[in-house]
Amino acid sequence: MILEWYGGGANPDATCQQFDKMREDLGGLELAFKCLSNETFENAHLMYICSEPCRGWYSWHMKHVKTAQDNLKYQLHLSRSITWQCEWHSRELAQFLSPLGWSKFEKLMNAVSNPDGVAKKIFSFVTQLLGRRCASLSRHSSPPYCYVGLLGNDMASARAAGDLMISDPTPLLHLEVSTTDQEQNLAADLRLTPDACSRLASMLLFHEKSKALLKVLLVTIPGSKCIEDCHTGC
Protein backbone atom coordinates (compact mmCIF):
# COMPACT_ATOMS: atom_id res chain seq x y z
CA MET A 1 0.00 0.00 0.00
CA ILE A 2 2.83 2.40 0.88
CA LEU A 3 4.69 1.57 -2.31
CA GLU A 4 1.53 2.10 -4.35
CA TRP A 5 1.10 5.55 -2.81
CA TYR A 6 4.78 6.37 -3.37
CA GLY A 7 4.69 5.11 -6.96
CA GLY A 8 1.63 7.18 -7.86
CA GLY A 9 -0.71 4.21 -8.13
CA ALA A 10 1.00 2.70 -11.18
CA ASN A 11 0.32 -1.02 -11.61
CA PRO A 12 3.30 -3.34 -11.09
CA ASP A 13 4.28 -4.64 -14.51
CA ALA A 14 7.96 -5.60 -14.44
CA THR A 15 9.10 -8.64 -16.41
CA CYS A 16 12.47 -10.34 -16.54
CA GLN A 17 13.15 -8.80 -19.95
CA GLN A 18 12.32 -5.26 -18.75
CA PHE A 19 14.16 -5.41 -15.43
CA ASP A 20 17.60 -4.25 -16.58
CA LYS A 21 16.16 -1.21 -18.37
CA MET A 22 13.91 -0.33 -15.43
CA ARG A 23 16.80 -0.60 -13.02
CA GLU A 24 18.57 2.16 -14.95
CA ASP A 25 15.53 4.46 -15.10
CA LEU A 26 13.87 4.06 -11.69
CA GLY A 27 14.83 4.56 -8.07
CA GLY A 28 14.97 1.78 -5.51
CA LEU A 29 11.45 2.01 -4.01
CA GLU A 30 9.74 2.64 -7.33
CA LEU A 31 11.59 -0.27 -8.89
CA ALA A 32 10.61 -2.47 -5.94
CA PHE A 33 6.94 -1.63 -6.51
CA LYS A 34 7.21 -2.23 -10.24
CA CYS A 35 8.62 -5.68 -9.52
CA LEU A 36 5.54 -6.68 -7.49
CA SER A 37 3.95 -8.04 -10.65
CA ASN A 38 2.02 -11.25 -11.13
CA GLU A 39 5.00 -12.74 -12.92
CA THR A 40 7.27 -12.00 -9.95
CA PHE A 41 4.70 -13.54 -7.60
CA GLU A 42 4.49 -16.67 -9.72
CA ASN A 43 8.27 -17.01 -10.03
CA ALA A 44 8.88 -16.47 -6.31
CA HIS A 45 6.15 -18.92 -5.36
CA LEU A 46 7.31 -21.73 -7.61
CA MET A 47 10.95 -21.20 -6.57
CA TYR A 48 9.91 -21.42 -2.92
CA ILE A 49 8.08 -24.71 -3.49
CA CYS A 50 10.66 -26.30 -5.81
CA SER A 51 13.65 -25.46 -3.61
CA GLU A 52 12.08 -26.84 -0.43
CA PRO A 53 13.85 -30.24 -0.68
CA CYS A 54 17.23 -28.49 -1.01
CA ARG A 55 16.48 -26.28 1.98
CA GLY A 56 15.54 -29.38 3.95
CA TRP A 57 18.79 -31.10 2.97
CA TYR A 58 20.85 -28.06 3.92
CA SER A 59 19.08 -27.80 7.29
CA TRP A 60 19.83 -31.46 7.92
CA HIS A 61 23.47 -30.92 6.96
CA MET A 62 23.78 -27.98 9.35
CA LYS A 63 22.39 -30.03 12.24
CA HIS A 64 24.22 -33.30 11.67
CA VAL A 65 27.56 -32.47 10.00
CA LYS A 66 29.33 -30.25 12.51
CA THR A 67 32.65 -32.00 13.12
CA ALA A 68 35.29 -33.77 11.07
CA GLN A 69 34.02 -37.12 12.39
CA ASP A 70 30.48 -36.23 11.29
CA ASN A 71 31.82 -35.36 7.86
CA LEU A 72 33.67 -38.68 7.59
CA LYS A 73 30.51 -40.57 8.51
CA TYR A 74 28.55 -38.64 5.89
CA GLN A 75 31.19 -39.17 3.19
CA LEU A 76 31.27 -42.91 3.94
CA HIS A 77 27.50 -43.04 3.68
CA LEU A 78 27.46 -41.38 0.25
CA SER A 79 30.33 -43.47 -1.09
CA ARG A 80 28.47 -46.77 -0.68
CA SER A 81 27.28 -48.22 -4.00
CA ILE A 82 24.75 -45.79 -5.52
CA THR A 83 23.71 -44.07 -2.28
CA TRP A 84 24.27 -40.54 -3.59
CA GLN A 85 22.02 -41.32 -6.56
CA CYS A 86 19.19 -42.11 -4.15
CA GLU A 87 19.58 -39.10 -1.85
CA TRP A 88 16.19 -38.21 -0.37
CA HIS A 89 16.21 -34.57 -1.43
CA SER A 90 17.01 -35.54 -5.04
CA ARG A 91 14.08 -37.96 -5.04
CA GLU A 92 11.81 -35.27 -3.64
CA LEU A 93 12.93 -32.91 -6.39
CA ALA A 94 12.21 -35.51 -9.06
CA GLN A 95 8.80 -36.16 -7.50
CA PHE A 96 7.71 -32.65 -8.46
CA LEU A 97 7.51 -33.93 -12.04
CA SER A 98 5.10 -36.73 -11.09
CA PRO A 99 1.31 -36.50 -10.50
CA LEU A 100 1.92 -36.94 -6.77
CA GLY A 101 4.33 -34.02 -6.59
CA TRP A 102 2.21 -31.86 -8.86
CA SER A 103 -0.41 -31.55 -6.12
CA LYS A 104 1.94 -29.13 -4.30
CA PHE A 105 1.31 -26.56 -7.04
CA GLU A 106 -2.50 -26.69 -7.00
CA LYS A 107 -2.98 -23.46 -5.01
CA LEU A 108 -0.52 -21.62 -7.24
CA MET A 109 -2.19 -22.89 -10.41
CA ASN A 110 -5.57 -21.68 -9.19
CA ALA A 111 -4.17 -18.14 -8.86
CA VAL A 112 -2.30 -17.76 -12.17
CA SER A 113 -3.63 -16.55 -15.49
CA ASN A 114 -1.43 -18.79 -17.66
CA PRO A 115 -1.16 -22.28 -16.09
CA ASP A 116 0.64 -23.73 -19.12
CA GLY A 117 3.34 -21.07 -18.96
CA VAL A 118 3.84 -21.60 -15.23
CA ALA A 119 3.97 -25.37 -15.77
CA LYS A 120 6.80 -24.90 -18.27
CA LYS A 121 8.67 -22.75 -15.75
CA ILE A 122 8.25 -25.41 -13.06
CA PHE A 123 9.54 -28.13 -15.37
CA SER A 124 12.52 -26.04 -16.44
CA PHE A 125 13.45 -24.97 -12.90
CA VAL A 126 13.09 -28.46 -11.39
CA THR A 127 15.09 -30.20 -14.12
CA GLN A 128 17.89 -27.64 -13.93
CA LEU A 129 18.02 -27.75 -10.13
CA LEU A 130 17.94 -31.55 -10.12
CA GLY A 131 20.70 -31.64 -12.73
CA ARG A 132 22.91 -29.34 -10.67
CA ARG A 133 22.36 -31.34 -7.49
CA CYS A 134 23.17 -34.61 -9.29
CA ALA A 135 26.29 -33.02 -10.75
CA SER A 136 27.42 -31.97 -7.26
CA LEU A 137 26.64 -35.34 -5.68
CA SER A 138 28.28 -37.30 -8.50
CA ARG A 139 31.69 -36.30 -7.11
CA HIS A 140 31.25 -39.11 -4.58
CA SER A 141 31.86 -41.56 -7.42
CA SER A 142 35.02 -39.73 -8.49
CA PRO A 143 38.49 -39.27 -6.95
CA PRO A 144 39.27 -38.49 -4.24
CA TYR A 145 35.77 -38.97 -2.73
CA CYS A 146 35.45 -42.56 -3.94
CA TYR A 147 38.58 -43.43 -1.89
CA VAL A 148 37.01 -42.49 1.45
CA GLY A 149 36.49 -46.19 2.28
CA LEU A 150 40.16 -46.32 3.26
CA LEU A 151 39.37 -44.08 6.23
CA GLY A 152 36.51 -46.21 7.57
CA ASN A 153 36.46 -49.38 9.66
CA ASP A 154 34.93 -51.66 7.04
CA MET A 155 37.67 -53.87 5.57
CA ALA A 156 35.75 -54.68 2.38
CA SER A 157 35.23 -50.97 1.64
CA ALA A 158 38.89 -50.27 2.40
CA ARG A 159 40.03 -52.98 -0.02
CA ALA A 160 37.68 -51.74 -2.73
CA ALA A 161 38.94 -48.17 -2.28
CA GLY A 162 42.55 -49.39 -2.39
CA ASP A 163 41.88 -51.28 -5.62
CA LEU A 164 40.43 -48.11 -7.14
CA MET A 165 43.44 -46.08 -6.09
CA ILE A 166 45.68 -48.56 -7.87
CA SER A 167 43.61 -48.91 -11.03
CA ASP A 168 42.50 -45.28 -11.59
CA PRO A 169 45.97 -43.80 -12.40
CA THR A 170 46.93 -46.76 -14.62
CA PRO A 171 45.39 -45.44 -17.89
CA LEU A 172 47.04 -42.07 -17.30
CA LEU A 173 50.46 -43.67 -16.76
CA HIS A 174 50.13 -45.61 -20.03
CA LEU A 175 49.16 -42.47 -21.92
CA GLU A 176 51.97 -40.38 -20.47
CA VAL A 177 54.64 -42.70 -21.89
CA SER A 178 53.09 -42.44 -25.35
CA THR A 179 54.67 -40.17 -27.96
CA THR A 180 51.55 -39.40 -30.03
CA ASP A 181 49.85 -36.01 -29.74
CA GLN A 182 46.33 -37.42 -29.48
CA GLU A 183 47.18 -39.57 -26.51
CA GLN A 184 48.95 -36.68 -24.81
CA ASN A 185 45.80 -34.58 -25.21
CA LEU A 186 43.80 -37.38 -23.63
CA ALA A 187 46.36 -37.60 -20.83
CA ALA A 188 45.87 -33.89 -20.14
CA ASP A 189 42.15 -34.54 -19.70
CA LEU A 190 42.76 -37.49 -17.39
CA ARG A 191 44.94 -35.35 -15.14
CA LEU A 192 41.79 -33.52 -14.10
CA THR A 193 40.28 -36.70 -12.64
CA PRO A 194 42.07 -37.94 -10.66
CA ASP A 195 43.72 -34.62 -9.84
CA ALA A 196 47.27 -34.13 -8.57
CA CYS A 197 46.38 -34.64 -4.89
CA SER A 198 44.48 -37.84 -5.66
CA ARG A 199 47.38 -39.18 -7.70
CA LEU A 200 49.78 -38.37 -4.87
CA ALA A 201 47.54 -40.25 -2.41
CA SER A 202 47.56 -43.21 -4.81
CA MET A 203 51.36 -43.24 -4.99
CA LEU A 204 51.51 -43.19 -1.18
CA LEU A 205 48.84 -45.90 -0.91
CA PHE A 206 50.82 -48.25 1.31
CA HIS A 207 52.12 -45.45 3.50
CA GLU A 208 50.31 -43.76 6.38
CA LYS A 209 50.78 -40.41 4.65
CA SER A 210 48.23 -41.52 2.06
CA LYS A 211 45.51 -41.64 4.70
CA ALA A 212 46.72 -38.36 6.18
CA LEU A 213 46.37 -36.69 2.77
CA LEU A 214 42.92 -38.20 2.23
CA LYS A 215 41.81 -36.90 5.63
CA VAL A 216 42.82 -33.39 4.61
CA LEU A 217 40.94 -33.73 1.31
CA LEU A 218 37.81 -35.49 2.52
CA VAL A 219 37.32 -35.16 6.26
CA THR A 220 38.58 -31.76 7.39
CA ILE A 221 35.74 -29.23 7.30
CA PRO A 222 36.65 -25.77 5.93
CA GLY A 223 36.85 -23.16 8.65
CA SER A 224 34.26 -21.07 6.81
CA LYS A 225 31.57 -23.77 7.12
CA CYS A 226 30.88 -23.10 10.79
CA ILE A 227 30.59 -19.35 10.11
CA GLU A 228 28.30 -19.88 7.11
CA ASP A 229 26.09 -22.29 9.04
CA CYS A 230 25.80 -19.83 11.91
CA HIS A 231 24.82 -17.02 9.55
CA THR A 232 22.27 -19.25 7.81
CA GLY A 233 20.86 -20.44 11.14
CA CYS A 234 20.45 -16.86 12.29
C-alpha atoms as a PDB file:
ATOM      1  CA  MET A   1       0.000   0.000   0.000  1.00  0.00           C
ATOM      2  CA  ILE A   2       2.834   2.402   0.885  1.00  0.00           C
ATOM      3  CA  LEU A   3       4.693   1.570  -2.313  1.00  0.00           C
ATOM      4  CA  GLU A   4       1.531   2.098  -4.354  1.00  0.00           C
ATOM      5  CA  TRP A   5       1.103   5.552  -2.806  1.00  0.00           C
ATOM      6  CA  TYR A   6       4.780   6.371  -3.368  1.00  0.00           C
ATOM      7  CA  GLY A   7       4.688   5.112  -6.964  1.00  0.00           C
ATOM      8  CA  GLY A   8       1.630   7.175  -7.863  1.00  0.00           C
ATOM      9  CA  GLY A   9      -0.713   4.212  -8.128  1.00  0.00           C
ATOM     10  CA  ALA A  10       0.998   2.696 -11.185  1.00  0.00           C
ATOM     11  CA  ASN A  11       0.321  -1.017 -11.609  1.00  0.00           C
ATOM     12  CA  PRO A  12       3.296  -3.335 -11.091  1.00  0.00           C
ATOM     13  CA  ASP A  13       4.281  -4.636 -14.510  1.00  0.00           C
ATOM     14  CA  ALA A  14       7.963  -5.600 -14.439  1.00  0.00           C
ATOM     15  CA  THR A  15       9.095  -8.644 -16.406  1.00  0.00           C
ATOM     16  CA  CYS A  16      12.465 -10.343 -16.535  1.00  0.00           C
ATOM     17  CA  GLN A  17      13.146  -8.795 -19.947  1.00  0.00           C
ATOM     18  CA  GLN A  18      12.318  -5.261 -18.745  1.00  0.00           C
ATOM     19  CA  PHE A  19      14.157  -5.410 -15.429  1.00  0.00           C
ATOM     20  CA  ASP A  20      17.604  -4.248 -16.582  1.00  0.00           C
ATOM     21  CA  LYS A  21      16.157  -1.206 -18.371  1.00  0.00           C
ATOM     22  CA  MET A  22      13.909  -0.327 -15.431  1.00  0.00           C
ATOM     23  CA  ARG A  23      16.800  -0.598 -13.023  1.00  0.00           C
ATOM     24  CA  GLU A  24      18.573   2.156 -14.953  1.00  0.00           C
ATOM     25  CA  ASP A  25      15.533   4.464 -15.100  1.00  0.00           C
ATOM     26  CA  LEU A  26      13.866   4.059 -11.691  1.00  0.00           C
ATOM     27  CA  GLY A  27      14.827   4.563  -8.073  1.00  0.00           C
ATOM     28  CA  GLY A  28      14.968   1.781  -5.508  1.00  0.00           C
ATOM     29  CA  LEU A  29      11.453   2.011  -4.008  1.00  0.00           C
ATOM     30  CA  GLU A  30       9.735   2.635  -7.328  1.00  0.00           C
ATOM     31  CA  LEU A  31      11.595  -0.273  -8.891  1.00  0.00           C
ATOM     32  CA  ALA A  32      10.608  -2.474  -5.944  1.00  0.00           C
ATOM     33  CA  PHE A  33       6.940  -1.629  -6.511  1.00  0.00           C
ATOM     34  CA  LYS A  34       7.206  -2.225 -10.242  1.00  0.00           C
ATOM     35  CA  CYS A  35       8.618  -5.681  -9.524  1.00  0.00           C
ATOM     36  CA  LEU A  36       5.541  -6.678  -7.493  1.00  0.00           C
ATOM     37  CA  SER A  37       3.954  -8.043 -10.646  1.00  0.00           C
ATOM     38  CA  ASN A  38       2.019 -11.252 -11.125  1.00  0.00           C
ATOM     39  CA  GLU A  39       4.999 -12.744 -12.921  1.00  0.00           C
ATOM     40  CA  THR A  40       7.269 -12.000  -9.947  1.00  0.00           C
ATOM     41  CA  PHE A  41       4.696 -13.536  -7.599  1.00  0.00           C
ATOM     42  CA  GLU A  42       4.486 -16.669  -9.719  1.00  0.00           C
ATOM     43  CA  ASN A  43       8.269 -17.014 -10.027  1.00  0.00           C
ATOM     44  CA  ALA A  44       8.884 -16.474  -6.308  1.00  0.00           C
ATOM     45  CA  HIS A  45       6.147 -18.919  -5.357  1.00  0.00           C
ATOM     46  CA  LEU A  46       7.312 -21.730  -7.615  1.00  0.00           C
ATOM     47  CA  MET A  47      10.953 -21.203  -6.575  1.00  0.00           C
ATOM     48  CA  TYR A  48       9.907 -21.417  -2.925  1.00  0.00           C
ATOM     49  CA  ILE A  49       8.079 -24.714  -3.490  1.00  0.00           C
ATOM     50  CA  CYS A  50      10.663 -26.295  -5.810  1.00  0.00           C
ATOM     51  CA  SER A  51      13.650 -25.458  -3.615  1.00  0.00           C
ATOM     52  CA  GLU A  52      12.075 -26.837  -0.427  1.00  0.00           C
ATOM     53  CA  PRO A  53      13.854 -30.242  -0.682  1.00  0.00           C
ATOM     54  CA  CYS A  54      17.228 -28.488  -1.013  1.00  0.00           C
ATOM     55  CA  ARG A  55      16.480 -26.275   1.983  1.00  0.00           C
ATOM     56  CA  GLY A  56      15.541 -29.381   3.953  1.00  0.00           C
ATOM     57  CA  TRP A  57      18.791 -31.102   2.969  1.00  0.00           C
ATOM     58  CA  TYR A  58      20.851 -28.058   3.918  1.00  0.00           C
ATOM     59  CA  SER A  59      19.084 -27.798   7.288  1.00  0.00           C
ATOM     60  CA  TRP A  60      19.828 -31.464   7.922  1.00  0.00           C
ATOM     61  CA  HIS A  61      23.467 -30.922   6.958  1.00  0.00           C
ATOM     62  CA  MET A  62      23.780 -27.980   9.348  1.00  0.00           C
ATOM     63  CA  LYS A  63      22.389 -30.030  12.240  1.00  0.00           C
ATOM     64  CA  HIS A  64      24.222 -33.304  11.669  1.00  0.00           C
ATOM     65  CA  VAL A  65      27.565 -32.473   9.997  1.00  0.00           C
ATOM     66  CA  LYS A  66      29.329 -30.246  12.506  1.00  0.00           C
ATOM     67  CA  THR A  67      32.649 -32.001  13.125  1.00  0.00           C
ATOM     68  CA  ALA A  68      35.287 -33.768  11.071  1.00  0.00           C
ATOM     69  CA  GLN A  69      34.019 -37.118  12.394  1.00  0.00           C
ATOM     70  CA  ASP A  70      30.477 -36.229  11.294  1.00  0.00           C
ATOM     71  CA  ASN A  71      31.816 -35.361   7.864  1.00  0.00           C
ATOM     72  CA  LEU A  72      33.671 -38.683   7.591  1.00  0.00           C
ATOM     73  CA  LYS A  73      30.508 -40.571   8.510  1.00  0.00           C
ATOM     74  CA  TYR A  74      28.553 -38.637   5.894  1.00  0.00           C
ATOM     75  CA  GLN A  75      31.193 -39.174   3.189  1.00  0.00           C
ATOM     76  CA  LEU A  76      31.274 -42.912   3.939  1.00  0.00           C
ATOM     77  CA  HIS A  77      27.500 -43.043   3.680  1.00  0.00           C
ATOM     78  CA  LEU A  78      27.461 -41.377   0.249  1.00  0.00           C
ATOM     79  CA  SER A  79      30.330 -43.475  -1.092  1.00  0.00           C
ATOM     80  CA  ARG A  80      28.471 -46.774  -0.682  1.00  0.00           C
ATOM     81  CA  SER A  81      27.283 -48.219  -4.005  1.00  0.00           C
ATOM     82  CA  ILE A  82      24.752 -45.788  -5.522  1.00  0.00           C
ATOM     83  CA  THR A  83      23.713 -44.069  -2.276  1.00  0.00           C
ATOM     84  CA  TRP A  84      24.269 -40.537  -3.589  1.00  0.00           C
ATOM     85  CA  GLN A  85      22.024 -41.321  -6.562  1.00  0.00           C
ATOM     86  CA  CYS A  86      19.186 -42.109  -4.148  1.00  0.00           C
ATOM     87  CA  GLU A  87      19.581 -39.104  -1.850  1.00  0.00           C
ATOM     88  CA  TRP A  88      16.195 -38.208  -0.374  1.00  0.00           C
ATOM     89  CA  HIS A  89      16.205 -34.566  -1.434  1.00  0.00           C
ATOM     90  CA  SER A  90      17.010 -35.542  -5.039  1.00  0.00           C
ATOM     91  CA  ARG A  91      14.083 -37.960  -5.045  1.00  0.00           C
ATOM     92  CA  GLU A  92      11.808 -35.267  -3.636  1.00  0.00           C
ATOM     93  CA  LEU A  93      12.927 -32.906  -6.386  1.00  0.00           C
ATOM     94  CA  ALA A  94      12.208 -35.513  -9.064  1.00  0.00           C
ATOM     95  CA  GLN A  95       8.803 -36.161  -7.497  1.00  0.00           C
ATOM     96  CA  PHE A  96       7.709 -32.654  -8.463  1.00  0.00           C
ATOM     97  CA  LEU A  97       7.507 -33.933 -12.043  1.00  0.00           C
ATOM     98  CA  SER A  98       5.097 -36.726 -11.089  1.00  0.00           C
ATOM     99  CA  PRO A  99       1.308 -36.503 -10.499  1.00  0.00           C
ATOM    100  CA  LEU A 100       1.925 -36.939  -6.771  1.00  0.00           C
ATOM    101  CA  GLY A 101       4.329 -34.017  -6.587  1.00  0.00           C
ATOM    102  CA  TRP A 102       2.207 -31.856  -8.862  1.00  0.00           C
ATOM    103  CA  SER A 103      -0.406 -31.546  -6.116  1.00  0.00           C
ATOM    104  CA  LYS A 104       1.939 -29.129  -4.298  1.00  0.00           C
ATOM    105  CA  PHE A 105       1.312 -26.564  -7.045  1.00  0.00           C
ATOM    106  CA  GLU A 106      -2.504 -26.695  -6.999  1.00  0.00           C
ATOM    107  CA  LYS A 107      -2.978 -23.464  -5.008  1.00  0.00           C
ATOM    108  CA  LEU A 108      -0.515 -21.623  -7.236  1.00  0.00           C
ATOM    109  CA  MET A 109      -2.186 -22.887 -10.408  1.00  0.00           C
ATOM    110  CA  ASN A 110      -5.571 -21.676  -9.186  1.00  0.00           C
ATOM    111  CA  ALA A 111      -4.169 -18.142  -8.860  1.00  0.00           C
ATOM    112  CA  VAL A 112      -2.305 -17.763 -12.166  1.00  0.00           C
ATOM    113  CA  SER A 113      -3.634 -16.548 -15.491  1.00  0.00           C
ATOM    114  CA  ASN A 114      -1.433 -18.788 -17.662  1.00  0.00           C
ATOM    115  CA  PRO A 115      -1.164 -22.278 -16.094  1.00  0.00           C
ATOM    116  CA  ASP A 116       0.636 -23.726 -19.124  1.00  0.00           C
ATOM    117  CA  GLY A 117       3.339 -21.069 -18.958  1.00  0.00           C
ATOM    118  CA  VAL A 118       3.843 -21.603 -15.233  1.00  0.00           C
ATOM    119  CA  ALA A 119       3.969 -25.370 -15.768  1.00  0.00           C
ATOM    120  CA  LYS A 120       6.804 -24.897 -18.274  1.00  0.00           C
ATOM    121  CA  LYS A 121       8.673 -22.753 -15.748  1.00  0.00           C
ATOM    122  CA  ILE A 122       8.247 -25.408 -13.058  1.00  0.00           C
ATOM    123  CA  PHE A 123       9.536 -28.134 -15.371  1.00  0.00           C
ATOM    124  CA  SER A 124      12.522 -26.035 -16.443  1.00  0.00           C
ATOM    125  CA  PHE A 125      13.446 -24.975 -12.900  1.00  0.00           C
ATOM    126  CA  VAL A 126      13.089 -28.455 -11.386  1.00  0.00           C
ATOM    127  CA  THR A 127      15.087 -30.202 -14.117  1.00  0.00           C
ATOM    128  CA  GLN A 128      17.894 -27.636 -13.934  1.00  0.00           C
ATOM    129  CA  LEU A 129      18.016 -27.745 -10.134  1.00  0.00           C
ATOM    130  CA  LEU A 130      17.945 -31.550 -10.118  1.00  0.00           C
ATOM    131  CA  GLY A 131      20.700 -31.643 -12.726  1.00  0.00           C
ATOM    132  CA  ARG A 132      22.911 -29.338 -10.674  1.00  0.00           C
ATOM    133  CA  ARG A 133      22.355 -31.344  -7.491  1.00  0.00           C
ATOM    134  CA  CYS A 134      23.166 -34.608  -9.291  1.00  0.00           C
ATOM    135  CA  ALA A 135      26.289 -33.023 -10.752  1.00  0.00           C
ATOM    136  CA  SER A 136      27.417 -31.967  -7.264  1.00  0.00           C
ATOM    137  CA  LEU A 137      26.643 -35.336  -5.679  1.00  0.00           C
ATOM    138  CA  SER A 138      28.285 -37.296  -8.496  1.00  0.00           C
ATOM    139  CA  ARG A 139      31.686 -36.295  -7.111  1.00  0.00           C
ATOM    140  CA  HIS A 140      31.250 -39.107  -4.583  1.00  0.00           C
ATOM    141  CA  SER A 141      31.857 -41.561  -7.424  1.00  0.00           C
ATOM    142  CA  SER A 142      35.024 -39.726  -8.493  1.00  0.00           C
ATOM    143  CA  PRO A 143      38.485 -39.274  -6.947  1.00  0.00           C
ATOM    144  CA  PRO A 144      39.265 -38.488  -4.237  1.00  0.00           C
ATOM    145  CA  TYR A 145      35.775 -38.972  -2.733  1.00  0.00           C
ATOM    146  CA  CYS A 146      35.452 -42.560  -3.942  1.00  0.00           C
ATOM    147  CA  TYR A 147      38.577 -43.428  -1.893  1.00  0.00           C
ATOM    148  CA  VAL A 148      37.008 -42.488   1.454  1.00  0.00           C
ATOM    149  CA  GLY A 149      36.490 -46.188   2.275  1.00  0.00           C
ATOM    150  CA  LEU A 150      40.162 -46.315   3.264  1.00  0.00           C
ATOM    151  CA  LEU A 151      39.372 -44.079   6.229  1.00  0.00           C
ATOM    152  CA  GLY A 152      36.512 -46.210   7.569  1.00  0.00           C
ATOM    153  CA  ASN A 153      36.456 -49.376   9.658  1.00  0.00           C
ATOM    154  CA  ASP A 154      34.930 -51.664   7.039  1.00  0.00           C
ATOM    155  CA  MET A 155      37.665 -53.872   5.573  1.00  0.00           C
ATOM    156  CA  ALA A 156      35.752 -54.679   2.382  1.00  0.00           C
ATOM    157  CA  SER A 157      35.228 -50.972   1.639  1.00  0.00           C
ATOM    158  CA  ALA A 158      38.886 -50.274   2.400  1.00  0.00           C
ATOM    159  CA  ARG A 159      40.030 -52.983  -0.020  1.00  0.00           C
ATOM    160  CA  ALA A 160      37.677 -51.743  -2.730  1.00  0.00           C
ATOM    161  CA  ALA A 161      38.939 -48.173  -2.284  1.00  0.00           C
ATOM    162  CA  GLY A 162      42.547 -49.391  -2.388  1.00  0.00           C
ATOM    163  CA  ASP A 163      41.884 -51.283  -5.617  1.00  0.00           C
ATOM    164  CA  LEU A 164      40.429 -48.111  -7.143  1.00  0.00           C
ATOM    165  CA  MET A 165      43.442 -46.080  -6.086  1.00  0.00           C
ATOM    166  CA  ILE A 166      45.678 -48.558  -7.866  1.00  0.00           C
ATOM    167  CA  SER A 167      43.614 -48.906 -11.034  1.00  0.00           C
ATOM    168  CA  ASP A 168      42.501 -45.283 -11.585  1.00  0.00           C
ATOM    169  CA  PRO A 169      45.967 -43.802 -12.399  1.00  0.00           C
ATOM    170  CA  THR A 170      46.935 -46.764 -14.621  1.00  0.00           C
ATOM    171  CA  PRO A 171      45.389 -45.443 -17.893  1.00  0.00           C
ATOM    172  CA  LEU A 172      47.042 -42.071 -17.300  1.00  0.00           C
ATOM    173  CA  LEU A 173      50.458 -43.666 -16.760  1.00  0.00           C
ATOM    174  CA  HIS A 174      50.127 -45.613 -20.031  1.00  0.00           C
ATOM    175  CA  LEU A 175      49.160 -42.470 -21.924  1.00  0.00           C
ATOM    176  CA  GLU A 176      51.970 -40.377 -20.468  1.00  0.00           C
ATOM    177  CA  VAL A 177      54.644 -42.700 -21.892  1.00  0.00           C
ATOM    178  CA  SER A 178      53.094 -42.441 -25.350  1.00  0.00           C
ATOM    179  CA  THR A 179      54.669 -40.169 -27.961  1.00  0.00           C
ATOM    180  CA  THR A 180      51.552 -39.396 -30.032  1.00  0.00           C
ATOM    181  CA  ASP A 181      49.849 -36.010 -29.744  1.00  0.00           C
ATOM    182  CA  GLN A 182      46.328 -37.416 -29.484  1.00  0.00           C
ATOM    183  CA  GLU A 183      47.179 -39.573 -26.506  1.00  0.00           C
ATOM    184  CA  GLN A 184      48.946 -36.678 -24.807  1.00  0.00           C
ATOM    185  CA  ASN A 185      45.796 -34.581 -25.214  1.00  0.00           C
ATOM    186  CA  LEU A 186      43.801 -37.379 -23.631  1.00  0.00           C
ATOM    187  CA  ALA A 187      46.363 -37.604 -20.833  1.00  0.00           C
ATOM    188  CA  ALA A 188      45.870 -33.894 -20.142  1.00  0.00           C
ATOM    189  CA  ASP A 189      42.150 -34.536 -19.704  1.00  0.00           C
ATOM    190  CA  LEU A 190      42.758 -37.487 -17.390  1.00  0.00           C
ATOM    191  CA  ARG A 191      44.942 -35.346 -15.137  1.00  0.00           C
ATOM    192  CA  LEU A 192      41.793 -33.525 -14.101  1.00  0.00           C
ATOM    193  CA  THR A 193      40.279 -36.701 -12.637  1.00  0.00           C
ATOM    194  CA  PRO A 194      42.073 -37.938 -10.663  1.00  0.00           C
ATOM    195  CA  ASP A 195      43.717 -34.623  -9.836  1.00  0.00           C
ATOM    196  CA  ALA A 196      47.269 -34.133  -8.567  1.00  0.00           C
ATOM    197  CA  CYS A 197      46.382 -34.638  -4.889  1.00  0.00           C
ATOM    198  CA  SER A 198      44.483 -37.842  -5.655  1.00  0.00           C
ATOM    199  CA  ARG A 199      47.383 -39.183  -7.699  1.00  0.00           C
ATOM    200  CA  LEU A 200      49.781 -38.374  -4.866  1.00  0.00           C
ATOM    201  CA  ALA A 201      47.544 -40.247  -2.412  1.00  0.00           C
ATOM    202  CA  SER A 202      47.560 -43.210  -4.811  1.00  0.00           C
ATOM    203  CA  MET A 203      51.364 -43.238  -4.986  1.00  0.00           C
ATOM    204  CA  LEU A 204      51.513 -43.194  -1.177  1.00  0.00           C
ATOM    205  CA  LEU A 205      48.845 -45.898  -0.908  1.00  0.00           C
ATOM    206  CA  PHE A 206      50.823 -48.250   1.312  1.00  0.00           C
ATOM    207  CA  HIS A 207      52.115 -45.450   3.500  1.00  0.00           C
ATOM    208  CA  GLU A 208      50.310 -43.762   6.384  1.00  0.00           C
ATOM    209  CA  LYS A 209      50.781 -40.407   4.653  1.00  0.00           C
ATOM    210  CA  SER A 210      48.228 -41.518   2.058  1.00  0.00           C
ATOM    211  CA  LYS A 211      45.510 -41.644   4.704  1.00  0.00           C
ATOM    212  CA  ALA A 212      46.716 -38.364   6.179  1.00  0.00           C
ATOM    213  CA  LEU A 213      46.369 -36.694   2.770  1.00  0.00           C
ATOM    214  CA  LEU A 214      42.917 -38.200   2.232  1.00  0.00           C
ATOM    215  CA  LYS A 215      41.808 -36.904   5.627  1.00  0.00           C
ATOM    216  CA  VAL A 216      42.816 -33.389   4.607  1.00  0.00           C
ATOM    217  CA  LEU A 217      40.943 -33.726   1.306  1.00  0.00           C
ATOM    218  CA  LEU A 218      37.807 -35.487   2.518  1.00  0.00           C
ATOM    219  CA  VAL A 219      37.317 -35.155   6.257  1.00  0.00           C
ATOM    220  CA  THR A 220      38.576 -31.765   7.389  1.00  0.00           C
ATOM    221  CA  ILE A 221      35.743 -29.233   7.297  1.00  0.00           C
ATOM    222  CA  PRO A 222      36.655 -25.774   5.935  1.00  0.00           C
ATOM    223  CA  GLY A 223      36.850 -23.157   8.647  1.00  0.00           C
ATOM    224  CA  SER A 224      34.258 -21.068   6.809  1.00  0.00           C
ATOM    225  CA  LYS A 225      31.573 -23.772   7.120  1.00  0.00           C
ATOM    226  CA  CYS A 226      30.875 -23.096  10.791  1.00  0.00           C
ATOM    227  CA  ILE A 227      30.591 -19.354  10.113  1.00  0.00           C
ATOM    228  CA  GLU A 228      28.303 -19.879   7.108  1.00  0.00           C
ATOM    229  CA  ASP A 229      26.093 -22.290   9.037  1.00  0.00           C
ATOM    230  CA  CYS A 230      25.801 -19.830  11.908  1.00  0.00           C
ATOM    231  CA  HIS A 231      24.824 -17.023   9.547  1.00  0.00           C
ATOM    232  CA  THR A 232      22.267 -19.249   7.807  1.00  0.00           C
ATOM    233  CA  GLY A 233      20.861 -20.437  11.136  1.00  0.00           C
ATOM    234  CA  CYS A 234      20.447 -16.858  12.295  1.00  0.00           C
END
